[in-house]
C-alpha atoms as a PDB file:
ATOM      1  CA  MET A   1      37.201 -14.821-112.080  1.00  0.00           C
ATOM      2  CA  VAL A   2      35.581 -17.783-114.792  1.00  0.00           C
ATOM      3  CA  GLY A   3      38.344 -17.920-117.075  1.00  0.00           C
ATOM      4  CA  TYR A   4      40.802 -14.902-118.526  1.00  0.00           C
ATOM      5  CA  ARG A   5      40.129 -11.253-120.921  1.00  0.00           C
ATOM      6  CA  GLY A   6      38.986 -12.824-123.760  1.00  0.00           C
ATOM      7  CA  LYS A   7      38.866 -16.128-122.860  1.00  0.00           C
ATOM      8  CA  GLU A   8      35.564 -15.683-120.753  1.00  0.00           C
ATOM      9  CA  ILE A   9      34.440 -19.628-119.596  1.00  0.00           C
ATOM     10  CA  ALA A  10      29.930 -20.082-119.200  1.00  0.00           C
ATOM     11  CA  GLN A  11      29.651 -21.720-116.194  1.00  0.00           C
ATOM     12  CA  ARG A  12      27.852 -24.641-115.515  1.00  0.00           C
ATOM     13  CA  PHE A  13      24.478 -24.628-112.818  1.00  0.00           C
ATOM     14  CA  GLU A  14      21.784 -27.264-112.147  1.00  0.00           C
ATOM     15  CA  LEU A  15      18.246 -26.462-111.666  1.00  0.00           C
ATOM     16  CA  PRO A  16      17.353 -28.362-108.794  1.00  0.00           C
ATOM     17  CA  GLY A  17      15.471 -30.714-108.996  1.00  0.00           C
ATOM     18  CA  THR A  18      15.068 -30.943-112.947  1.00  0.00           C
ATOM     19  CA  GLY A  19      18.287 -33.401-113.821  1.00  0.00           C
ATOM     20  CA  LEU A  20      19.230 -30.247-116.293  1.00  0.00           C
ATOM     21  CA  GLY A  21      22.142 -27.885-116.250  1.00  0.00           C
ATOM     22  CA  LEU A  22      21.998 -24.005-116.855  1.00  0.00           C
ATOM     23  CA  VAL A  23      25.037 -22.353-118.351  1.00  0.00           C
ATOM     24  CA  ILE A  24      25.625 -18.737-117.447  1.00  0.00           C
ATOM     25  CA  PRO A  25      27.847 -16.446-119.817  1.00  0.00           C
ATOM     26  CA  ALA A  26      30.966 -15.691-117.699  1.00  0.00           C
ATOM     27  CA  ARG A  27      30.425 -11.713-118.359  1.00  0.00           C
ATOM     28  CA  LEU A  28      26.829 -10.156-118.211  1.00  0.00           C
ATOM     29  CA  ALA A  29      24.763  -6.673-118.588  1.00  0.00           C
ATOM     30  CA  PHE A  30      21.542  -5.859-116.534  1.00  0.00           C
ATOM     31  CA  ILE A  31      20.217  -2.464-117.708  1.00  0.00           C
ATOM     32  CA  ASN A  32      17.335  -0.106-116.099  1.00  0.00           C
ATOM     33  CA  LEU A  33      15.766   2.522-117.762  1.00  0.00           C
ATOM     34  CA  GLN A  34      13.579   5.293-117.324  1.00  0.00           C
ATOM     35  CA  THR A  35      11.808   7.126-120.141  1.00  0.00           C
ATOM     36  CA  THR A  36       9.632   9.977-120.924  1.00  0.00           C
ATOM     37  CA  GLY A  37       7.247   7.100-121.695  1.00  0.00           C
ATOM     38  CA  ALA A  38       6.556   3.734-123.270  1.00  0.00           C
ATOM     39  CA  ASN A  39       6.818   4.279-127.100  1.00  0.00           C
ATOM     40  CA  PRO A  40      10.448   4.001-127.710  1.00  0.00           C
ATOM     41  CA  VAL A  41       9.848   5.728-130.995  1.00  0.00           C
ATOM     42  CA  ARG A  42       7.991   8.482-129.960  1.00  0.00           C
ATOM     43  CA  ASP A  43       9.849   9.100-126.036  1.00  0.00           C
ATOM     44  CA  ARG A  44      13.152   9.238-124.790  1.00  0.00           C
ATOM     45  CA  ILE A  45      15.780   7.604-122.632  1.00  0.00           C
ATOM     46  CA  THR A  46      16.159   9.935-119.066  1.00  0.00           C
ATOM     47  CA  ARG A  47      18.210   7.204-117.291  1.00  0.00           C
ATOM     48  CA  ILE A  48      20.197   4.376-117.928  1.00  0.00           C
ATOM     49  CA  GLY A  49      21.563   1.632-115.447  1.00  0.00           C
ATOM     50  CA  VAL A  50      23.834  -1.018-115.951  1.00  0.00           C
ATOM     51  CA  LEU A  51      25.157  -3.692-113.200  1.00  0.00           C
ATOM     52  CA  GLU A  52      27.939  -5.633-115.687  1.00  0.00           C
ATOM     53  CA  ALA A  53      29.136  -9.191-113.642  1.00  0.00           C
ATOM     54  CA  GLU A  54      32.344 -10.271-114.726  1.00  0.00           C
ATOM     55  CA  GLY A  55      33.405 -13.655-112.541  1.00  0.00           C
ATOM     56  CA  ASP A  56      32.665 -12.850-109.051  1.00  0.00           C
ATOM     57  CA  ARG A  57      33.443  -9.100-109.915  1.00  0.00           C
ATOM     58  CA  VAL A  58      30.650  -6.526-110.114  1.00  0.00           C
ATOM     59  CA  SER A  59      30.612  -3.176-110.843  1.00  0.00           C
ATOM     60  CA  THR A  60      27.219  -0.446-111.488  1.00  0.00           C
ATOM     61  CA  TRP A  61      26.987   3.381-113.829  1.00  0.00           C
ATOM     62  CA  SER A  62      24.540   5.178-113.980  1.00  0.00           C
ATOM     63  CA  THR A  63      24.173   7.912-115.829  1.00  0.00           C
ATOM     64  CA  LEU A  64      20.811  10.955-116.039  1.00  0.00           C
ATOM     65  CA  VAL A  65      19.815  11.381-119.652  1.00  0.00           C
ATOM     66  CA  ASN A  66      18.330  14.333-121.277  1.00  0.00           C
ATOM     67  CA  PRO A  67      15.821  13.880-123.300  1.00  0.00           C
ATOM     68  CA  GLN A  68      15.790  17.569-124.991  1.00  0.00           C
ATOM     69  CA  ARG A  69      12.470  17.342-124.229  1.00  0.00           C
ATOM     70  CA  PRO A  70      10.004  18.238-121.253  1.00  0.00           C
ATOM     71  CA  ILE A  71       8.927  14.762-119.404  1.00  0.00           C
ATOM     72  CA  PRO A  72       5.399  14.766-119.297  1.00  0.00           C
ATOM     73  CA  ALA A  73       3.717  15.454-115.049  1.00  0.00           C
ATOM     74  CA  LEU A  74       3.055  11.755-114.747  1.00  0.00           C
ATOM     75  CA  ILE A  75       6.454  10.373-115.966  1.00  0.00           C
ATOM     76  CA  GLN A  76       7.782  12.913-113.310  1.00  0.00           C
ATOM     77  CA  ARG A  77       5.296  11.899-110.499  1.00  0.00           C
ATOM     78  CA  LEU A  78       5.560   7.374-111.490  1.00  0.00           C
ATOM     79  CA  ASN A  79       9.877   7.701-111.688  1.00  0.00           C
ATOM     80  CA  GLY A  80      10.729  10.807-109.663  1.00  0.00           C
ATOM     81  CA  ILE A  81      13.028  11.919-112.776  1.00  0.00           C
ATOM     82  CA  ARG A  82      12.474  16.145-113.072  1.00  0.00           C
ATOM     83  CA  ASN A  83      12.683  17.798-115.906  1.00  0.00           C
ATOM     84  CA  GLU A  84      15.223  20.509-113.535  1.00  0.00           C
ATOM     85  CA  ALA A  85      17.353  17.442-112.924  1.00  0.00           C
ATOM     86  CA  ILE A  86      17.704  16.304-116.325  1.00  0.00           C
ATOM     87  CA  ALA A  87      18.374  20.349-117.594  1.00  0.00           C
ATOM     88  CA  ASP A  88      22.499  19.871-117.451  1.00  0.00           C
ATOM     89  CA  ALA A  89      22.707  15.830-118.385  1.00  0.00           C
ATOM     90  CA  PRO A  90      24.218  14.614-121.366  1.00  0.00           C
ATOM     91  CA  THR A  91      22.468  13.923-124.183  1.00  0.00           C
ATOM     92  CA  PHE A  92      22.265   9.804-125.005  1.00  0.00           C
ATOM     93  CA  ALA A  93      24.298  10.940-127.924  1.00  0.00           C
ATOM     94  CA  GLN A  94      26.779  12.171-125.638  1.00  0.00           C
ATOM     95  CA  VAL A  95      26.658   8.371-123.588  1.00  0.00           C
ATOM     96  CA  ALA A  96      25.776   5.889-126.221  1.00  0.00           C
ATOM     97  CA  ALA A  97      29.971   5.387-126.861  1.00  0.00           C
ATOM     98  CA  GLU A  98      29.860   4.889-123.232  1.00  0.00           C
ATOM     99  CA  LEU A  99      26.973   2.464-122.794  1.00  0.00           C
ATOM    100  CA  ALA A 100      28.132   0.569-126.195  1.00  0.00           C
ATOM    101  CA  ASP A 101      31.681  -0.537-123.905  1.00  0.00           C
ATOM    102  CA  ARG A 102      29.262  -1.333-121.258  1.00  0.00           C
ATOM    103  CA  LEU A 103      26.927  -4.181-123.103  1.00  0.00           C
ATOM    104  CA  HIS A 104      29.333  -5.078-125.862  1.00  0.00           C
ATOM    105  CA  GLY A 105      29.858  -8.745-126.180  1.00  0.00           C
ATOM    106  CA  ARG A 106      27.429  -9.207-122.458  1.00  0.00           C
ATOM    107  CA  PRO A 107      23.556 -10.398-122.600  1.00  0.00           C
ATOM    108  CA  PHE A 108      21.364  -7.757-122.616  1.00  0.00           C
ATOM    109  CA  VAL A 109      19.810  -8.772-119.236  1.00  0.00           C
ATOM    110  CA  ALA A 110      16.663  -6.765-118.190  1.00  0.00           C
ATOM    111  CA  HIS A 111      12.850  -6.939-115.967  1.00  0.00           C
ATOM    112  CA  HIS A 112      11.304  -5.934-118.938  1.00  0.00           C
ATOM    113  CA  ALA A 113      14.004  -6.578-121.847  1.00  0.00           C
ATOM    114  CA  ARG A 114      11.385  -5.789-124.478  1.00  0.00           C
ATOM    115  CA  PHE A 115      11.180  -2.034-123.262  1.00  0.00           C
ATOM    116  CA  ASN A 116      14.621  -1.820-122.618  1.00  0.00           C
ATOM    117  CA  TYR A 117      15.770  -2.447-126.166  1.00  0.00           C
ATOM    118  CA  GLY A 118      13.091  -1.852-127.792  1.00  0.00           C
ATOM    119  CA  PHE A 119      14.596   2.040-126.382  1.00  0.00           C
ATOM    120  CA  VAL A 120      18.289   0.939-126.651  1.00  0.00           C
ATOM    121  CA  LYS A 121      17.741  -0.325-130.536  1.00  0.00           C
ATOM    122  CA  VAL A 122      15.416   2.934-131.251  1.00  0.00           C
ATOM    123  CA  THR A 123      17.678   5.325-129.777  1.00  0.00           C
ATOM    124  CA  THR A 124      21.576   4.242-131.350  1.00  0.00           C
ATOM    125  CA  GLN A 125      19.697   4.085-134.692  1.00  0.00           C
ATOM    126  CA  GLY A 126      19.119   7.795-134.122  1.00  0.00           C
ATOM    127  CA  ASP A 127      17.850  10.381-137.417  1.00  0.00           C
ATOM    128  CA  HIS A 128      16.627   7.023-139.180  1.00  0.00           C
ATOM    129  CA  ALA A 129      14.413   6.137-136.251  1.00  0.00           C
ATOM    130  CA  GLU A 130      13.086   9.940-135.894  1.00  0.00           C
ATOM    131  CA  ALA A 131      12.445  10.537-139.737  1.00  0.00           C
ATOM    132  CA  GLN A 132      10.745   6.959-139.715  1.00  0.00           C
ATOM    133  CA  ALA A 133       8.616   8.387-136.856  1.00  0.00           C
ATOM    134  CA  ARG A 134       8.016  11.512-138.914  1.00  0.00           C
ATOM    135  CA  ARG A 135       6.481   9.492-141.940  1.00  0.00           C
ATOM    136  CA  GLY A 136       3.943   7.415-139.946  1.00  0.00           C
END
């Protein structure tokens, strides 16, 4: 591990052939979401996966999420998550604190960061985001 709890030290890597150093934080969180569609205001999260890296330790956490609405057939074909699979899954409100703890103090890293961050941001705003969506 680099540093110690509460006093993490960034790691510096040289970019080959550039003479530039790259600083990588010692604590990272890589996130991946599956959703009912592409619009973070209208659609909902159906699966959350987080890979946490801290020094030389790596851990993973994932959960299905009940979006409290049916998953469209096209989306079921794309991501393989069926309505039956999420029927008894926790809602986002039930896993929000766990997700927040896993992301706290770590840079948000994702393949489609704008997509993933948009869903997390809107979903954590809860009722406020839904009220805005209803207003148009």
